[in-house]
Amino acid sequence: MPLSGKKVFFANYVFYVPENVYEPSEDSFLFAENLDIREGETVLDMGTGCGILGVIAAEKAAKVVAVDINPYAVRCAKRNAEVNGVTDKIFFLQGDLFAPIKNEEEFDLILFNAPYLPSEIDEGDAWLSRAWAGGASGRRMIDRFICEVPCYLKMNGRVLLLQSVLSGVDETSQEFRKHGLRAEVITKRDLPLFETIVLVRATC
């Protein structure tokens, strides 16, 4: 199958991104710059998009499971895994958050660049908008993720969640605490139009 779409570079990696898949941007790059993968870990890349985080994680991880609700994103991420030579490490699943994951499966590290922007419009019918539209508060997917993530985390496992301050960082810390995890902001970046994105790490 011929490669198509916009070509995006990060470090020594290249990613092909068609128009119906979220293109890596400042949030993706901030996340990628702060990935802390340990040799031999199992990683879940939730909302993989073009596969940028999963592909990078596969360099050190023993196994990466990459999930996206967008079928075009899953297809795109598979191709990018091939391009970057990590197909033996990554398994791809299509579905809504944890729905396609086996109940007994647990991971050392779970990644989620969440759909975090507040949106008054119902964007549910557009595949691309599902990557960024977080509902009226920006927390529609964030809260669902936090509620379910402890069930898939190994003892002493870690969660990395990227979001905007517009969707409530204090609320995220409170939700993690409610579900038995400790959360802290490990890095942030100011973007144009008065928005700041933050990377939150949560641990058991």
Protein backbone atom coordinates (compact mmCIF):
# COMPACT_ATOMS: atom_id res chain seq x y z
CA MET A 1 0.00 0.00 0.00
CA PRO A 2 1.52 3.38 -0.97
CA LEU A 3 2.29 5.83 1.81
CA SER A 4 0.14 8.94 1.76
CA GLY A 5 -0.65 11.95 3.90
CA LYS A 6 1.39 14.72 5.43
CA LYS A 7 4.86 13.70 6.56
CA VAL A 8 5.69 14.63 10.18
CA PHE A 9 9.12 14.26 11.75
CA PHE A 10 10.10 13.82 15.40
CA ALA A 11 13.70 13.04 16.35
CA ASN A 12 14.71 10.12 14.09
CA TYR A 13 11.13 9.05 13.41
CA VAL A 14 8.84 9.83 10.49
CA PHE A 15 5.04 9.60 10.51
CA TYR A 16 2.58 9.77 7.62
CA VAL A 17 -0.70 11.40 8.67
CA PRO A 18 -3.81 11.44 6.42
CA GLU A 19 -6.42 14.17 6.74
CA ASN A 20 -8.84 12.12 8.86
CA VAL A 21 -6.22 11.41 11.58
CA TYR A 22 -5.01 13.88 14.21
CA GLU A 23 -1.73 15.44 13.15
CA PRO A 24 0.95 15.50 15.89
CA SER A 25 1.23 19.00 17.30
CA GLU A 26 2.67 20.76 20.35
CA ASP A 27 0.80 18.46 22.73
CA SER A 28 2.07 15.32 21.00
CA PHE A 29 5.64 16.61 20.94
CA LEU A 30 5.58 17.67 24.62
CA PHE A 31 4.34 14.19 25.50
CA ALA A 32 6.95 12.49 23.32
CA GLU A 33 9.78 14.56 24.80
CA ASN A 34 8.82 13.42 28.29
CA LEU A 35 8.21 9.72 27.72
CA ASP A 36 9.94 7.68 30.40
CA ILE A 37 9.99 4.12 29.12
CA ARG A 38 11.96 1.45 30.96
CA GLU A 39 13.44 -1.59 29.26
CA GLY A 40 11.03 -4.51 29.11
CA GLU A 41 7.89 -2.65 30.21
CA THR A 42 4.40 -3.24 28.85
CA VAL A 43 2.76 -0.04 27.60
CA LEU A 44 -0.79 0.91 26.64
CA ASP A 45 -1.04 3.84 24.23
CA MET A 46 -4.63 5.01 24.52
CA GLY A 47 -5.87 7.17 21.64
CA THR A 48 -2.79 6.36 19.59
CA GLY A 49 -3.68 8.58 16.61
CA CYS A 50 -0.89 8.29 14.04
CA GLY A 51 1.03 6.11 16.52
CA ILE A 52 3.72 8.60 17.53
CA LEU A 53 3.82 7.68 21.24
CA GLY A 54 3.42 3.95 20.71
CA VAL A 55 6.18 3.83 18.11
CA ILE A 56 8.60 5.71 20.36
CA ALA A 57 7.64 3.57 23.36
CA ALA A 58 8.31 0.39 21.36
CA GLU A 59 12.03 1.16 21.20
CA LYS A 60 12.41 0.10 24.86
CA ALA A 61 9.14 -1.59 25.78
CA ALA A 62 8.67 -5.33 25.55
CA LYS A 63 5.12 -4.82 24.27
CA VAL A 64 2.92 -1.88 23.28
CA VAL A 65 -0.84 -2.07 22.82
CA ALA A 66 -2.17 0.89 20.81
CA VAL A 67 -5.89 1.71 20.86
CA ASP A 68 -7.98 4.23 18.96
CA ILE A 69 -11.68 4.61 18.27
CA ASN A 70 -10.90 6.01 14.82
CA PRO A 71 -10.43 3.14 12.31
CA TYR A 72 -8.40 5.43 10.06
CA ALA A 73 -6.04 6.17 12.95
CA VAL A 74 -5.52 2.47 13.65
CA ARG A 75 -4.70 1.85 9.98
CA CYS A 76 -2.39 4.89 9.92
CA ALA A 77 -0.58 3.86 13.12
CA LYS A 78 0.01 0.36 11.75
CA ARG A 79 1.66 1.81 8.66
CA ASN A 80 3.81 4.12 10.77
CA ALA A 81 4.93 1.20 12.92
CA GLU A 82 6.08 -0.49 9.71
CA VAL A 83 7.84 2.63 8.48
CA ASN A 84 9.72 2.95 11.77
CA GLY A 85 10.54 -0.75 12.08
CA VAL A 86 8.68 -1.65 15.29
CA THR A 87 5.83 -3.87 14.08
CA ASP A 88 7.08 -6.79 16.19
CA LYS A 89 6.48 -4.80 19.37
CA ILE A 90 3.07 -3.14 18.76
CA PHE A 91 -0.43 -4.60 18.70
CA PHE A 92 -3.29 -2.44 17.43
CA LEU A 93 -6.92 -2.45 18.56
CA GLN A 94 -9.90 -0.34 17.51
CA GLY A 95 -12.41 0.62 20.17
CA ASP A 96 -13.72 3.08 22.71
CA LEU A 97 -11.17 3.57 25.52
CA PHE A 98 -10.64 0.30 27.41
CA ALA A 99 -13.47 -1.62 25.71
CA PRO A 100 -11.17 -3.70 23.45
CA ILE A 101 -8.69 -4.51 26.26
CA LYS A 102 -8.97 -7.87 28.02
CA ASN A 103 -10.21 -7.50 31.60
CA GLU A 104 -7.21 -9.30 33.08
CA GLU A 105 -4.58 -7.38 31.07
CA GLU A 106 -2.39 -4.95 33.04
CA PHE A 107 0.36 -2.54 32.03
CA ASP A 108 3.42 -0.89 33.58
CA LEU A 109 2.66 2.41 31.83
CA ILE A 110 -0.54 3.80 30.32
CA LEU A 111 -0.42 6.85 28.03
CA PHE A 112 -3.31 9.11 27.03
CA ASN A 113 -3.18 12.32 25.05
CA ALA A 114 -6.80 12.99 25.87
CA PRO A 115 -9.44 14.88 23.87
CA TYR A 116 -9.26 17.85 26.24
CA LEU A 117 -10.63 20.97 24.58
CA PRO A 118 -14.02 22.23 25.82
CA SER A 119 -16.49 22.03 22.96
CA GLU A 120 -20.14 23.10 23.04
CA ILE A 121 -20.82 21.35 19.75
CA ASP A 122 -21.50 17.64 19.50
CA GLU A 123 -18.51 16.55 17.45
CA GLY A 124 -19.24 12.83 17.76
CA ASP A 125 -19.80 12.14 14.07
CA ALA A 126 -16.43 13.43 12.87
CA TRP A 127 -13.50 11.04 13.33
CA LEU A 128 -10.91 13.80 13.45
CA SER A 129 -12.76 15.91 16.02
CA ARG A 130 -12.91 12.99 18.44
CA ALA A 131 -9.18 13.48 18.96
CA TRP A 132 -9.64 16.92 20.53
CA ALA A 133 -13.29 17.60 21.46
CA GLY A 134 -13.80 16.95 25.17
CA GLY A 135 -17.40 18.05 25.66
CA ALA A 136 -18.61 21.22 27.38
CA SER A 137 -16.08 20.98 30.23
CA GLY A 138 -13.34 19.26 28.25
CA ARG A 139 -13.52 16.37 30.70
CA ARG A 140 -15.86 13.91 28.99
CA MET A 141 -13.11 11.43 28.09
CA ILE A 142 -10.67 12.41 30.85
CA ASP A 143 -13.07 11.42 33.64
CA ARG A 144 -14.04 8.16 31.92
CA PHE A 145 -10.38 7.29 31.49
CA ILE A 146 -9.45 8.02 35.11
CA CYS A 147 -12.38 5.97 36.38
CA GLU A 148 -11.30 2.89 34.44
CA VAL A 149 -7.51 3.12 34.31
CA PRO A 150 -6.71 1.62 37.77
CA CYS A 151 -8.15 -1.73 36.65
CA TYR A 152 -5.48 -2.01 33.94
CA LEU A 153 -2.45 -0.79 35.90
CA LYS A 154 0.14 -3.10 37.42
CA MET A 155 1.29 -2.63 40.99
CA ASN A 156 3.65 0.38 41.00
CA GLY A 157 2.47 1.24 37.49
CA ARG A 158 2.30 4.75 36.05
CA VAL A 159 -0.14 6.82 34.03
CA LEU A 160 0.80 9.76 31.82
CA LEU A 161 -2.13 11.98 30.84
CA LEU A 162 -1.90 15.13 28.74
CA GLN A 163 -4.58 17.81 28.95
CA SER A 164 -5.20 21.54 28.85
CA VAL A 165 -5.59 23.77 31.90
CA LEU A 166 -8.93 24.69 30.28
CA SER A 167 -10.23 21.26 31.26
CA GLY A 168 -9.28 21.52 34.94
CA VAL A 169 -5.99 20.23 36.31
CA ASP A 170 -7.18 20.31 39.93
CA GLU A 171 -10.20 18.24 38.95
CA THR A 172 -7.89 15.69 37.37
CA SER A 173 -5.84 15.39 40.57
CA GLN A 174 -9.01 14.98 42.59
CA GLU A 175 -10.36 12.29 40.27
CA PHE A 176 -7.11 10.35 40.36
CA ARG A 177 -7.07 10.56 44.16
CA LYS A 178 -10.67 9.36 44.30
CA HIS A 179 -9.59 6.26 42.40
CA GLY A 180 -6.54 5.52 44.53
CA LEU A 181 -3.77 7.21 42.51
CA ARG A 182 -1.44 10.11 43.33
CA ALA A 183 -1.10 12.72 40.57
CA GLU A 184 1.36 15.50 39.84
CA VAL A 185 2.10 17.82 36.92
CA ILE A 186 5.56 16.94 35.60
CA THR A 187 5.80 19.49 32.79
CA LYS A 188 3.75 22.11 30.97
CA ARG A 189 3.92 24.33 27.91
CA ASP A 190 2.27 27.65 27.15
CA LEU A 191 0.64 27.84 23.74
CA PRO A 192 -0.77 30.78 21.75
CA LEU A 193 -4.26 32.09 22.59
CA PHE A 194 -3.66 31.86 26.35
CA GLU A 195 -3.79 28.07 26.55
CA THR A 196 -1.42 25.93 28.60
CA ILE A 197 -1.05 22.18 28.24
CA VAL A 198 0.19 19.98 31.08
CA LEU A 199 1.48 16.44 31.38
CA VAL A 200 0.19 14.72 34.51
CA ARG A 201 1.79 11.62 35.99
CA ALA A 202 -0.28 9.40 38.28
CA THR A 203 1.09 6.50 40.32
CA CYS A 204 -0.33 3.81 42.58
